PDB file of N, CA and C in Angstrom:
ATOM      1  N   MET A   1     -12.692  23.111 -58.917  1.00  0.00           N
ATOM      2  CA  MET A   1     -13.758  24.103 -59.067  1.00  0.00           C
ATOM      3  C   MET A   1     -15.098  23.511 -58.695  1.00  0.00           C
ATOM      4  N   ARG A   2     -15.337  22.320 -59.177  1.00  0.00           N
ATOM      5  CA  ARG A   2     -16.538  21.665 -58.894  1.00  0.00           C
ATOM      6  C   ARG A   2     -16.778  21.461 -57.374  1.00  0.00           C
ATOM      7  N   LYS A   3     -15.720  21.055 -56.706  1.00  0.00           N
ATOM      8  CA  LYS A   3     -15.925  20.835 -55.274  1.00  0.00           C
ATOM      9  C   LYS A   3     -16.230  22.244 -54.503  1.00  0.00           C
ATOM     10  N   LEU A   4     -15.583  23.321 -54.987  1.00  0.00           N
ATOM     11  CA  LEU A   4     -15.902  24.602 -54.376  1.00  0.00           C
ATOM     12  C   LEU A   4     -17.363  24.914 -54.518  1.00  0.00           C
ATOM     13  N   PHE A   5     -17.869  24.746 -55.777  1.00  0.00           N
ATOM     14  CA  PHE A   5     -19.263  25.032 -56.114  1.00  0.00           C
ATOM     15  C   PHE A   5     -20.198  24.173 -55.230  1.00  0.00           C
ATOM     16  N   ILE A   6     -19.953  22.906 -54.999  1.00  0.00           N
ATOM     17  CA  ILE A   6     -20.704  22.013 -54.247  1.00  0.00           C
ATOM     18  C   ILE A   6     -20.679  22.487 -52.760  1.00  0.00           C
ATOM     19  N   ALA A   7     -19.508  22.843 -52.292  1.00  0.00           N
ATOM     20  CA  ALA A   7     -19.394  23.344 -50.910  1.00  0.00           C
ATOM     21  C   ALA A   7     -20.184  24.564 -50.685  1.00  0.00           C
ATOM     22  N   MET A   8     -20.113  25.512 -51.641  1.00  0.00           N
ATOM     23  CA  MET A   8     -20.940  26.754 -51.482  1.00  0.00           C
ATOM     24  C   MET A   8     -22.415  26.448 -51.494  1.00  0.00           C
ATOM     25  N   LEU A   9     -22.794  25.528 -52.338  1.00  0.00           N
ATOM     26  CA  LEU A   9     -24.187  25.193 -52.520  1.00  0.00           C
ATOM     27  C   LEU A   9     -24.625  24.583 -51.137  1.00  0.00           C
ATOM     28  N   LEU A  10     -23.898  23.752 -50.577  1.00  0.00           N
ATOM     29  CA  LEU A  10     -24.299  23.056 -49.295  1.00  0.00           C
ATOM     30  C   LEU A  10     -24.311  24.076 -48.199  1.00  0.00           C
ATOM     31  N   LEU A  11     -23.351  25.022 -48.146  1.00  0.00           N
ATOM     32  CA  LEU A  11     -23.355  26.031 -47.059  1.00  0.00           C
ATOM     33  C   LEU A  11     -24.566  26.941 -47.265  1.00  0.00           C
ATOM     34  N   SER A  12     -24.897  27.421 -48.431  1.00  0.00           N
ATOM     35  CA  SER A  12     -25.995  28.372 -48.574  1.00  0.00           C
ATOM     36  C   SER A  12     -27.377  27.659 -48.203  1.00  0.00           C
ATOM     37  N   SER A  13     -27.421  26.404 -48.726  1.00  0.00           N
ATOM     38  CA  SER A  13     -28.773  25.741 -48.483  1.00  0.00           C
ATOM     39  C   SER A  13     -28.887  25.423 -46.898  1.00  0.00           C
ATOM     40  N   SER A  14     -27.862  25.148 -46.166  1.00  0.00           N
ATOM     41  CA  SER A  14     -27.969  24.834 -44.775  1.00  0.00           C
ATOM     42  C   SER A  14     -28.392  26.036 -43.974  1.00  0.00           C
ATOM     43  N   ALA A  15     -27.947  27.235 -44.505  1.00  0.00           N
ATOM     44  CA  ALA A  15     -28.228  28.468 -43.826  1.00  0.00           C
ATOM     45  C   ALA A  15     -29.779  28.693 -43.828  1.00  0.00           C
ATOM     46  N   PHE A  16     -30.375  28.447 -45.005  1.00  0.00           N
ATOM     47  CA  PHE A  16     -31.900  28.549 -45.053  1.00  0.00           C
ATOM     48  C   PHE A  16     -32.542  27.517 -44.225  1.00  0.00           C
ATOM     49  N   ALA A  17     -32.098  26.296 -44.130  1.00  0.00           N
ATOM     50  CA  ALA A  17     -32.635  25.204 -43.484  1.00  0.00           C
ATOM     51  C   ALA A  17     -32.625  25.424 -41.983  1.00  0.00           C
ATOM     52  N   ALA A  18     -31.731  26.216 -41.504  1.00  0.00           N
ATOM     53  CA  ALA A  18     -31.532  26.444 -40.035  1.00  0.00           C
ATOM     54  C   ALA A  18     -32.559  27.285 -39.436  1.00  0.00           C
ATOM     55  N   VAL A  19     -33.363  28.088 -40.209  1.00  0.00           N
ATOM     56  CA  VAL A  19     -34.364  28.910 -39.624  1.00  0.00           C
ATOM     57  C   VAL A  19     -35.617  28.133 -39.356  1.00  0.00           C
ATOM     58  N   PRO A  20     -36.009  28.050 -38.033  1.00  0.00           N
ATOM     59  CA  PRO A  20     -37.254  27.255 -37.760  1.00  0.00           C
ATOM     60  C   PRO A  20     -38.480  28.056 -38.115  1.00  0.00           C
ATOM     61  N   VAL A  21     -39.438  27.310 -38.570  1.00  0.00           N
ATOM     62  CA  VAL A  21     -40.718  27.859 -38.964  1.00  0.00           C
ATOM     63  C   VAL A  21     -41.939  27.157 -38.273  1.00  0.00           C
ATOM     64  N   SER A  22     -42.873  27.918 -37.745  1.00  0.00           N
ATOM     65  CA  SER A  22     -44.020  27.448 -37.053  1.00  0.00           C
ATOM     66  C   SER A  22     -45.149  27.684 -38.097  1.00  0.00           C
ATOM     67  N   GLN A  23     -46.066  26.660 -38.122  1.00  0.00           N
ATOM     68  CA  GLN A  23     -47.248  26.794 -39.051  1.00  0.00           C
ATOM     69  C   GLN A  23     -48.165  27.876 -38.517  1.00  0.00           C
ATOM     70  N   SER A  24     -48.176  28.182 -37.311  1.00  0.00           N
ATOM     71  CA  SER A  24     -49.085  29.196 -36.858  1.00  0.00           C
ATOM     72  C   SER A  24     -48.559  30.700 -36.743  1.00  0.00           C
ATOM     73  N   ILE A  25     -47.232  30.789 -36.562  1.00  0.00           N
ATOM     74  CA  ILE A  25     -46.767  32.115 -36.545  1.00  0.00           C
ATOM     75  C   ILE A  25     -45.635  32.394 -37.462  1.00  0.00           C
ATOM     76  N   GLY A  26     -45.280  31.542 -38.222  1.00  0.00           N
ATOM     77  CA  GLY A  26     -44.219  31.724 -39.350  1.00  0.00           C
ATOM     78  C   GLY A  26     -42.851  31.579 -38.807  1.00  0.00           C
ATOM     79  N   ARG A  27     -41.844  32.384 -39.348  1.00  0.00           N
ATOM     80  CA  ARG A  27     -40.456  32.258 -39.050  1.00  0.00           C
ATOM     81  C   ARG A  27     -40.258  32.562 -37.616  1.00  0.00           C
ATOM     82  N   ILE A  28     -39.509  31.782 -36.910  1.00  0.00           N
ATOM     83  CA  ILE A  28     -39.225  32.023 -35.497  1.00  0.00           C
ATOM     84  C   ILE A  28     -37.959  32.684 -35.241  1.00  0.00           C
ATOM     85  N   GLN A  29     -37.903  33.685 -34.394  1.00  0.00           N
ATOM     86  CA  GLN A  29     -36.635  34.458 -34.064  1.00  0.00           C
ATOM     87  C   GLN A  29     -35.816  33.536 -33.110  1.00  0.00           C
ATOM     88  N   CYS A  30     -34.506  33.276 -33.489  1.00  0.00           N
ATOM     89  CA  CYS A  30     -33.636  32.506 -32.630  1.00  0.00           C
ATOM     90  C   CYS A  30     -32.857  33.437 -31.856  1.00  0.00           C
ATOM     91  N   GLU A  31     -32.535  34.605 -32.179  1.00  0.00           N
ATOM     92  CA  GLU A  31     -31.785  35.570 -31.389  1.00  0.00           C
ATOM     93  C   GLU A  31     -32.676  36.876 -31.176  1.00  0.00           C
ATOM     94  N   ILE A  32     -32.819  37.201 -29.925  1.00  0.00           N
ATOM     95  CA  ILE A  32     -33.650  38.359 -29.687  1.00  0.00           C
ATOM     96  C   ILE A  32     -32.830  39.607 -29.371  1.00  0.00           C
ATOM     97  N   PRO A  33     -32.836  40.576 -30.234  1.00  0.00           N
ATOM     98  CA  PRO A  33     -32.010  41.819 -30.035  1.00  0.00           C
ATOM     99  C   PRO A  33     -32.404  42.581 -28.814  1.00  0.00           C
ATOM    100  N   SER A  34     -31.409  43.045 -28.023  1.00  0.00           N
ATOM    101  CA  SER A  34     -31.739  43.793 -26.890  1.00  0.00           C
ATOM    102  C   SER A  34     -32.522  45.098 -27.182  1.00  0.00           C
ATOM    103  N   GLY A  35     -33.563  45.371 -26.427  1.00  0.00           N
ATOM    104  CA  GLY A  35     -34.345  46.552 -26.652  1.00  0.00           C
ATOM    105  C   GLY A  35     -35.375  46.482 -27.813  1.00  0.00           C
ATOM    106  N   SER A  36     -35.427  45.324 -28.367  1.00  0.00           N
ATOM    107  CA  SER A  36     -36.437  45.036 -29.602  1.00  0.00           C
ATOM    108  C   SER A  36     -37.832  44.964 -28.964  1.00  0.00           C
ATOM    109  N   VAL A  37     -38.798  45.100 -29.976  1.00  0.00           N
ATOM    110  CA  VAL A  37     -40.191  44.903 -29.501  1.00  0.00           C
ATOM    111  C   VAL A  37     -40.444  43.456 -29.149  1.00  0.00           C
ATOM    112  N   THR A  38     -39.675  42.477 -29.678  1.00  0.00           N
ATOM    113  CA  THR A  38     -39.763  41.132 -29.255  1.00  0.00           C
ATOM    114  C   THR A  38     -39.394  40.955 -27.818  1.00  0.00           C
ATOM    115  N   GLU A  39     -38.270  41.594 -27.414  1.00  0.00           N
ATOM    116  CA  GLU A  39     -37.776  41.477 -25.994  1.00  0.00           C
ATOM    117  C   GLU A  39     -38.885  41.985 -25.143  1.00  0.00           C
ATOM    118  N   ILE A  40     -39.389  43.185 -25.441  1.00  0.00           N
ATOM    119  CA  ILE A  40     -40.470  43.836 -24.634  1.00  0.00           C
ATOM    120  C   ILE A  40     -41.665  42.834 -24.547  1.00  0.00           C
ATOM    121  N   ALA A  41     -42.124  42.295 -25.632  1.00  0.00           N
ATOM    122  CA  ALA A  41     -43.268  41.462 -25.769  1.00  0.00           C
ATOM    123  C   ALA A  41     -43.053  40.196 -24.880  1.00  0.00           C
ATOM    124  N   LEU A  42     -41.873  39.611 -24.936  1.00  0.00           N
ATOM    125  CA  LEU A  42     -41.576  38.352 -24.195  1.00  0.00           C
ATOM    126  C   LEU A  42     -41.644  38.661 -22.705  1.00  0.00           C
ATOM    127  N   ALA A  43     -41.120  39.869 -22.357  1.00  0.00           N
ATOM    128  CA  ALA A  43     -41.103  40.263 -20.917  1.00  0.00           C
ATOM    129  C   ALA A  43     -42.578  40.479 -20.459  1.00  0.00           C
ATOM    130  N   ALA A  44     -43.423  41.007 -21.279  1.00  0.00           N
ATOM    131  CA  ALA A  44     -44.783  41.415 -20.944  1.00  0.00           C
ATOM    132  C   ALA A  44     -45.599  40.143 -20.772  1.00  0.00           C
ATOM    133  N   VAL A  45     -45.491  39.170 -21.615  1.00  0.00           N
ATOM    134  CA  VAL A  45     -46.274  37.924 -21.555  1.00  0.00           C
ATOM    135  C   VAL A  45     -45.829  37.013 -20.400  1.00  0.00           C
ATOM    136  N   SER A  46     -44.644  37.241 -19.860  1.00  0.00           N
ATOM    137  CA  SER A  46     -44.099  36.309 -18.799  1.00  0.00           C
ATOM    138  C   SER A  46     -44.778  36.873 -17.373  1.00  0.00           C
ATOM    139  N   GLU A  47     -45.380  37.952 -17.418  1.00  0.00           N
ATOM    140  CA  GLU A  47     -45.928  38.592 -16.159  1.00  0.00           C
ATOM    141  C   GLU A  47     -47.485  38.343 -16.150  1.00  0.00           C
ATOM    142  N   GLU A  48     -47.981  38.437 -14.844  1.00  0.00           N
ATOM    143  CA  GLU A  48     -49.422  38.395 -14.759  1.00  0.00           C
ATOM    144  C   GLU A  48     -49.974  39.802 -15.171  1.00  0.00           C
ATOM    145  N   TYR A  49     -51.126  39.710 -15.707  1.00  0.00           N
ATOM    146  CA  TYR A  49     -51.867  40.960 -16.111  1.00  0.00           C
ATOM    147  C   TYR A  49     -52.383  41.739 -14.895  1.00  0.00           C
ATOM    148  N   THR A  50     -51.861  42.914 -14.621  1.00  0.00           N
ATOM    149  CA  THR A  50     -52.326  43.675 -13.457  1.00  0.00           C
ATOM    150  C   THR A  50     -52.274  45.125 -13.849  1.00  0.00           C
ATOM    151  N   GLU A  51     -52.625  46.045 -12.893  1.00  0.00           N
ATOM    152  CA  GLU A  51     -52.567  47.503 -13.258  1.00  0.00           C
ATOM    153  C   GLU A  51     -51.046  47.923 -13.423  1.00  0.00           C
ATOM    154  N   ALA A  52     -50.081  47.272 -12.666  1.00  0.00           N
ATOM    155  CA  ALA A  52     -48.703  47.602 -12.954  1.00  0.00           C
ATOM    156  C   ALA A  52     -48.257  47.159 -14.315  1.00  0.00           C
ATOM    157  N   TRP A  53     -48.783  46.128 -14.840  1.00  0.00           N
ATOM    158  CA  TRP A  53     -48.541  45.570 -16.195  1.00  0.00           C
ATOM    159  C   TRP A  53     -48.962  46.706 -17.174  1.00  0.00           C
ATOM    160  N   LEU A  54     -50.127  47.196 -17.095  1.00  0.00           N
ATOM    161  CA  LEU A  54     -50.611  48.334 -17.928  1.00  0.00           C
ATOM    162  C   LEU A  54     -49.716  49.585 -17.861  1.00  0.00           C
ATOM    163  N   ASP A  55     -49.225  49.847 -16.585  1.00  0.00           N
ATOM    164  CA  ASP A  55     -48.311  51.052 -16.436  1.00  0.00           C
ATOM    165  C   ASP A  55     -46.953  50.827 -17.269  1.00  0.00           C
ATOM    166  N   GLU A  56     -46.588  49.604 -17.189  1.00  0.00           N
ATOM    167  CA  GLU A  56     -45.260  49.253 -17.848  1.00  0.00           C
ATOM    168  C   GLU A  56     -45.246  49.054 -19.306  1.00  0.00           C
ATOM    169  N   TYR A  57     -46.395  48.441 -19.846  1.00  0.00           N
ATOM    170  CA  TYR A  57     -46.330  48.106 -21.319  1.00  0.00           C
ATOM    171  C   TYR A  57     -47.339  48.823 -22.140  1.00  0.00           C
ATOM    172  N   ALA A  58     -48.502  49.282 -21.741  1.00  0.00           N
ATOM    173  CA  ALA A  58     -49.547  49.728 -22.521  1.00  0.00           C
ATOM    174  C   ALA A  58     -49.238  51.207 -22.894  1.00  0.00           C
ATOM    175  N   VAL A  59     -49.696  51.578 -24.060  1.00  0.00           N
ATOM    176  CA  VAL A  59     -49.538  52.930 -24.570  1.00  0.00           C
ATOM    177  C   VAL A  59     -50.502  53.878 -23.777  1.00  0.00           C
ATOM    178  N   ASP A  60     -51.736  53.434 -23.469  1.00  0.00           N
ATOM    179  CA  ASP A  60     -52.770  54.229 -22.746  1.00  0.00           C
ATOM    180  C   ASP A  60     -53.435  53.250 -21.806  1.00  0.00           C
ATOM    181  N   LYS A  61     -53.152  53.454 -20.530  1.00  0.00           N
ATOM    182  CA  LYS A  61     -53.589  52.455 -19.553  1.00  0.00           C
ATOM    183  C   LYS A  61     -55.185  52.383 -19.531  1.00  0.00           C
ATOM    184  N   ILE A  62     -55.927  53.369 -19.705  1.00  0.00           N
ATOM    185  CA  ILE A  62     -57.364  53.210 -19.563  1.00  0.00           C
ATOM    186  C   ILE A  62     -58.066  52.562 -20.819  1.00  0.00           C
ATOM    187  N   THR A  63     -57.770  53.118 -21.979  1.00  0.00           N
ATOM    188  CA  THR A  63     -58.478  52.677 -23.204  1.00  0.00           C
ATOM    189  C   THR A  63     -57.942  51.231 -23.523  1.00  0.00           C
ATOM    190  N   PHE A  64     -56.588  51.070 -23.295  1.00  0.00           N
ATOM    191  CA  PHE A  64     -55.970  49.752 -23.544  1.00  0.00           C
ATOM    192  C   PHE A  64     -56.571  48.726 -22.641  1.00  0.00           C
ATOM    193  N   GLY A  65     -56.712  49.013 -21.306  1.00  0.00           N
ATOM    194  CA  GLY A  65     -57.292  48.169 -20.353  1.00  0.00           C
ATOM    195  C   GLY A  65     -58.665  47.784 -20.758  1.00  0.00           C
ATOM    196  N   GLU A  66     -59.496  48.712 -21.156  1.00  0.00           N
ATOM    197  CA  GLU A  66     -60.919  48.503 -21.484  1.00  0.00           C
ATOM    198  C   GLU A  66     -60.927  47.539 -22.666  1.00  0.00           C
ATOM    199  N   ALA A  67     -60.105  47.752 -23.608  1.00  0.00           N
ATOM    200  CA  ALA A  67     -60.092  46.971 -24.887  1.00  0.00           C
ATOM    201  C   ALA A  67     -59.596  45.569 -24.733  1.00  0.00           C
ATOM    202  N   TYR A  68     -58.551  45.369 -23.971  1.00  0.00           N
ATOM    203  CA  TYR A  68     -57.851  44.115 -23.954  1.00  0.00           C
ATOM    204  C   TYR A  68     -57.806  43.325 -22.522  1.00  0.00           C
ATOM    205  N   SER A  69     -58.476  43.783 -21.475  1.00  0.00           N
ATOM    206  CA  SER A  69     -58.411  43.133 -20.253  1.00  0.00           C
ATOM    207  C   SER A  69     -58.868  41.705 -20.307  1.00  0.00           C
ATOM    208  N   GLU A  70     -59.958  41.398 -21.028  1.00  0.00           N
ATOM    209  CA  GLU A  70     -60.428  40.026 -21.081  1.00  0.00           C
ATOM    210  C   GLU A  70     -59.478  39.082 -21.652  1.00  0.00           C
ATOM    211  N   ILE A  71     -58.834  39.499 -22.747  1.00  0.00           N
ATOM    212  CA  ILE A  71     -57.854  38.642 -23.448  1.00  0.00           C
ATOM    213  C   ILE A  71     -56.694  38.420 -22.532  1.00  0.00           C
ATOM    214  N   LEU A  72     -56.082  39.562 -22.041  1.00  0.00           N
ATOM    215  CA  LEU A  72     -54.906  39.428 -21.254  1.00  0.00           C
ATOM    216  C   LEU A  72     -55.078  38.743 -19.881  1.00  0.00           C
ATOM    217  N   SER A  73     -56.233  38.869 -19.314  1.00  0.00           N
ATOM    218  CA  SER A  73     -56.436  38.248 -18.043  1.00  0.00           C
ATOM    219  C   SER A  73     -56.515  36.764 -18.108  1.00  0.00           C
ATOM    220  N   SER A  74     -56.966  36.287 -19.222  1.00  0.00           N
ATOM    221  CA  SER A  74     -57.021  34.808 -19.458  1.00  0.00           C
ATOM    222  C   SER A  74     -55.732  34.263 -20.089  1.00  0.00           C
ATOM    223  N   ALA A  75     -55.002  35.060 -20.771  1.00  0.00           N
ATOM    224  CA  ALA A  75     -53.804  34.578 -21.467  1.00  0.00           C
ATOM    225  C   ALA A  75     -52.455  34.585 -20.696  1.00  0.00           C
ATOM    226  N   LEU A  76     -52.451  35.679 -19.775  1.00  0.00           N
ATOM    227  CA  LEU A  76     -51.156  35.843 -19.134  1.00  0.00           C
ATOM    228  C   LEU A  76     -51.137  35.249 -17.740  1.00  0.00           C
ATOM    229  N   PRO A  77     -49.998  34.808 -17.297  1.00  0.00           N
ATOM    230  CA  PRO A  77     -48.725  34.812 -17.933  1.00  0.00           C
ATOM    231  C   PRO A  77     -48.658  33.523 -18.960  1.00  0.00           C
ATOM    232  N   MET A  78     -47.797  33.671 -19.920  1.00  0.00           N
ATOM    233  CA  MET A  78     -47.575  32.624 -20.883  1.00  0.00           C
ATOM    234  C   MET A  78     -46.193  32.012 -20.562  1.00  0.00           C
ATOM    235  N   THR A  79     -46.060  30.684 -20.833  1.00  0.00           N
ATOM    236  CA  THR A  79     -44.828  30.039 -20.574  1.00  0.00           C
ATOM    237  C   THR A  79     -44.399  29.228 -21.824  1.00  0.00           C
ATOM    238  N   ASN A  80     -43.083  29.067 -21.815  1.00  0.00           N
ATOM    239  CA  ASN A  80     -42.431  28.259 -22.990  1.00  0.00           C
ATOM    240  C   ASN A  80     -42.915  28.926 -24.254  1.00  0.00           C
ATOM    241  N   VAL A  81     -42.471  30.218 -24.506  1.00  0.00           N
ATOM    242  CA  VAL A  81     -42.898  31.086 -25.589  1.00  0.00           C
ATOM    243  C   VAL A  81     -41.803  31.113 -26.649  1.00  0.00           C
ATOM    244  N   ILE A  82     -42.431  31.114 -27.909  1.00  0.00           N
ATOM    245  CA  ILE A  82     -41.580  31.406 -29.100  1.00  0.00           C
ATOM    246  C   ILE A  82     -42.109  32.695 -29.718  1.00  0.00           C
ATOM    247  N   ALA A  83     -41.231  33.325 -30.469  1.00  0.00           N
ATOM    248  CA  ALA A  83     -41.648  34.582 -31.057  1.00  0.00           C
ATOM    249  C   ALA A  83     -41.340  34.446 -32.574  1.00  0.00           C
ATOM    250  N   SER A  84     -42.308  35.081 -33.361  1.00  0.00           N
ATOM    251  CA  SER A  84     -42.170  35.323 -34.796  1.00  0.00           C
ATOM    252  C   SER A  84     -41.138  36.352 -35.160  1.00  0.00           C
ATOM    253  N   SER A  85     -40.818  36.408 -36.410  1.00  0.00           N
ATOM    254  CA  SER A  85     -39.970  37.513 -36.844  1.00  0.00           C
ATOM    255  C   SER A  85     -40.758  38.795 -36.746  1.00  0.00           C
ATOM    256  N   GLU A  86     -40.080  39.879 -36.335  1.00  0.00           N
ATOM    257  CA  GLU A  86     -40.770  41.205 -36.320  1.00  0.00           C
ATOM    258  C   GLU A  86     -41.091  41.684 -37.583  1.00  0.00           C
ATOM    259  N   ARG A  87     -42.243  42.360 -37.733  1.00  0.00           N
ATOM    260  CA  ARG A  87     -42.627  42.999 -38.936  1.00  0.00           C
ATOM    261  C   ARG A  87     -43.412  44.221 -38.738  1.00  0.00           C
ATOM    262  N   ASN A  88     -42.895  45.478 -39.247  1.00  0.00           N
ATOM    263  CA  ASN A  88     -43.604  46.666 -39.090  1.00  0.00           C
ATOM    264  C   ASN A  88     -44.002  47.014 -37.638  1.00  0.00           C
ATOM    265  N   GLY A  89     -43.195  46.758 -36.691  1.00  0.00           N
ATOM    266  CA  GLY A  89     -43.407  47.086 -35.306  1.00  0.00           C
ATOM    267  C   GLY A  89     -44.370  46.137 -34.645  1.00  0.00           C
ATOM    268  N   ALA A  90     -44.485  44.929 -35.180  1.00  0.00           N
ATOM    269  CA  ALA A  90     -45.391  43.883 -34.609  1.00  0.00           C
ATOM    270  C   ALA A  90     -44.585  42.556 -34.464  1.00  0.00           C
ATOM    271  N   VAL A  91     -45.152  41.776 -33.598  1.00  0.00           N
ATOM    272  CA  VAL A  91     -44.496  40.516 -33.299  1.00  0.00           C
ATOM    273  C   VAL A  91     -45.688  39.576 -32.764  1.00  0.00           C
ATOM    274  N   THR A  92     -45.598  38.329 -33.144  1.00  0.00           N
ATOM    275  CA  THR A  92     -46.542  37.341 -32.608  1.00  0.00           C
ATOM    276  C   THR A  92     -45.800  36.325 -31.739  1.00  0.00           C
ATOM    277  N   LEU A  93     -46.363  36.039 -30.571  1.00  0.00           N
ATOM    278  CA  LEU A  93     -45.841  35.046 -29.704  1.00  0.00           C
ATOM    279  C   LEU A  93     -46.810  33.866 -29.426  1.00  0.00           C
ATOM    280  N   LYS A  94     -46.243  32.738 -29.268  1.00  0.00           N
ATOM    281  CA  LYS A  94     -47.060  31.459 -29.072  1.00  0.00           C
ATOM    282  C   LYS A  94     -46.452  30.688 -27.854  1.00  0.00           C
ATOM    283  N   SER A  95     -47.335  30.298 -27.044  1.00  0.00           N
ATOM    284  CA  SER A  95     -47.012  29.400 -25.873  1.00  0.00           C
ATOM    285  C   SER A  95     -46.995  28.017 -26.475  1.00  0.00           C
ATOM    286  N   LEU A  96     -45.777  27.374 -26.267  1.00  0.00           N
ATOM    287  CA  LEU A  96     -45.755  25.965 -26.689  1.00  0.00           C
ATOM    288  C   LEU A  96     -46.451  25.036 -25.656  1.00  0.00           C
ATOM    289  N   ASP A  97     -46.682  25.586 -24.472  1.00  0.00           N
ATOM    290  CA  ASP A  97     -47.386  24.797 -23.340  1.00  0.00           C
ATOM    291  C   ASP A  97     -48.818  24.626 -23.597  1.00  0.00           C
ATOM    292  N   ASN A  98     -49.455  25.752 -24.046  1.00  0.00           N
ATOM    293  CA  ASN A  98     -50.930  25.679 -24.162  1.00  0.00           C
ATOM    294  C   ASN A  98     -51.465  26.149 -25.503  1.00  0.00           C
ATOM    295  N   GLY A  99     -50.547  26.524 -26.400  1.00  0.00           N
ATOM    296  CA  GLY A  99     -50.948  26.842 -27.766  1.00  0.00           C
ATOM    297  C   GLY A  99     -51.475  28.312 -27.951  1.00  0.00           C
ATOM    298  N   THR A 100     -51.518  29.138 -26.900  1.00  0.00           N
ATOM    299  CA  THR A 100     -52.014  30.499 -26.956  1.00  0.00           C
ATOM    300  C   THR A 100     -51.123  31.201 -27.959  1.00  0.00           C
ATOM    301  N   VAL A 101     -51.890  32.123 -28.804  1.00  0.00           N
ATOM    302  CA  VAL A 101     -51.063  32.895 -29.680  1.00  0.00           C
ATOM    303  C   VAL A 101     -51.648  34.356 -29.699  1.00  0.00           C
ATOM    304  N   LEU A 102     -50.630  35.215 -29.332  1.00  0.00           N
ATOM    305  CA  LEU A 102     -51.064  36.632 -29.196  1.00  0.00           C
ATOM    306  C   LEU A 102     -50.132  37.420 -30.085  1.00  0.00           C
ATOM    307  N   SER A 103     -50.701  38.370 -30.851  1.00  0.00           N
ATOM    308  CA  SER A 103     -49.878  39.292 -31.714  1.00  0.00           C
ATOM    309  C   SER A 103     -49.914  40.640 -30.998  1.00  0.00           C
ATOM    310  N   PHE A 104     -48.791  41.361 -30.999  1.00  0.00           N
ATOM    311  CA  PHE A 104     -48.624  42.671 -30.421  1.00  0.00           C
ATOM    312  C   PHE A 104     -48.190  43.672 -31.408  1.00  0.00           C
ATOM    313  N   ILE A 105     -48.879  44.862 -31.424  1.00  0.00           N
ATOM    314  CA  ILE A 105     -48.412  45.957 -32.264  1.00  0.00           C
ATOM    315  C   ILE A 105     -47.883  47.027 -31.336  1.00  0.00           C
ATOM    316  N   PHE A 106     -46.650  47.562 -31.680  1.00  0.00           N
ATOM    317  CA  PHE A 106     -45.947  48.559 -30.772  1.00  0.00           C
ATOM    318  C   PHE A 106     -45.823  49.880 -31.544  1.00  0.00           C
ATOM    319  N   ARG A 107     -45.827  50.923 -30.771  1.00  0.00           N
ATOM    320  CA  ARG A 107     -45.455  52.173 -31.208  1.00  0.00           C
ATOM    321  C   ARG A 107     -44.585  52.854 -30.048  1.00  0.00           C
ATOM    322  N   ASN A 108     -43.414  53.376 -30.437  1.00  0.00           N
ATOM    323  CA  ASN A 108     -42.429  53.862 -29.502  1.00  0.00           C
ATOM    324  C   ASN A 108     -42.252  53.038 -28.279  1.00  0.00           C
ATOM    325  N   GLY A 109     -42.095  51.689 -28.520  1.00  0.00           N
ATOM    326  CA  GLY A 109     -41.733  50.744 -27.474  1.00  0.00           C
ATOM    327  C   GLY A 109     -42.885  50.396 -26.441  1.00  0.00           C
ATOM    328  N   ARG A 110     -44.108  50.825 -26.817  1.00  0.00           N
ATOM    329  CA  ARG A 110     -45.373  50.481 -26.004  1.00  0.00           C
ATOM    330  C   ARG A 110     -46.257  49.745 -26.827  1.00  0.00           C
ATOM    331  N   ILE A 111     -47.041  48.893 -26.191  1.00  0.00           N
ATOM    332  CA  ILE A 111     -48.083  48.078 -26.886  1.00  0.00           C
ATOM    333  C   ILE A 111     -49.290  48.978 -27.177  1.00  0.00           C
ATOM    334  N   VAL A 112     -49.598  48.907 -28.495  1.00  0.00           N
ATOM    335  CA  VAL A 112     -50.811  49.815 -28.744  1.00  0.00           C
ATOM    336  C   VAL A 112     -52.068  48.913 -29.090  1.00  0.00           C
ATOM    337  N   ALA A 113     -51.837  47.698 -29.484  1.00  0.00           N
ATOM    338  CA  ALA A 113     -52.839  46.771 -29.842  1.00  0.00           C
ATOM    339  C   ALA A 113     -52.461  45.344 -29.715  1.00  0.00           C
ATOM    340  N   ILE A 114     -53.513  44.430 -29.438  1.00  0.00           N
ATOM    341  CA  ILE A 114     -53.255  43.057 -29.346  1.00  0.00           C
ATOM    342  C   ILE A 114     -54.368  42.279 -30.066  1.00  0.00           C
ATOM    343  N   SER A 115     -54.019  41.138 -30.594  1.00  0.00           N
ATOM    344  CA  SER A 115     -54.989  40.281 -31.119  1.00  0.00           C
ATOM    345  C   SER A 115     -54.657  38.849 -30.754  1.00  0.00           C
ATOM    346  N   GLN A 116     -55.648  37.983 -30.636  1.00  0.00           N
ATOM    347  CA  GLN A 116     -55.465  36.618 -30.142  1.00  0.00           C
ATOM    348  C   GLN A 116     -56.006  35.793 -31.327  1.00  0.00           C
ATOM    349  N   SER A 117     -55.086  34.786 -31.649  1.00  0.00           N
ATOM    350  CA  SER A 117     -55.542  33.832 -32.728  1.00  0.00           C
ATOM    351  C   SER A 117     -56.120  32.650 -32.105  1.00  0.00           C
ATOM    352  N   PRO A 118     -57.055  32.010 -32.758  1.00  0.00           N
ATOM    353  CA  PRO A 118     -57.743  30.780 -32.225  1.00  0.00           C
ATOM    354  C   PRO A 118     -56.736  29.570 -32.046  1.00  0.00           C
TER     355      PRO A 118
END
């Protein structure tokens, strides 16, 4: 019985230890579900920021472009990217190459807001 308890304890503690955590973005997703906001965000940051990008990802091309063009023009494309756990339709991405951190808020599969962390 004691061996079973120890085995269960080791298995449960190793499951928690396997989840990587970033100091800047928190828990990191290791598996990206198909069709998730994380999958969409990862695709979006891998591309250059263009008018076609706005058509593909932004909720409203004109107001979104006016609000976020400066951030996106300087940040995209991002490489070697990790993603935080999704929370309430939002996900944060970080480039391990240059440290850029962008948070995306989604509605109905489209990006409605972005923020950049220092």
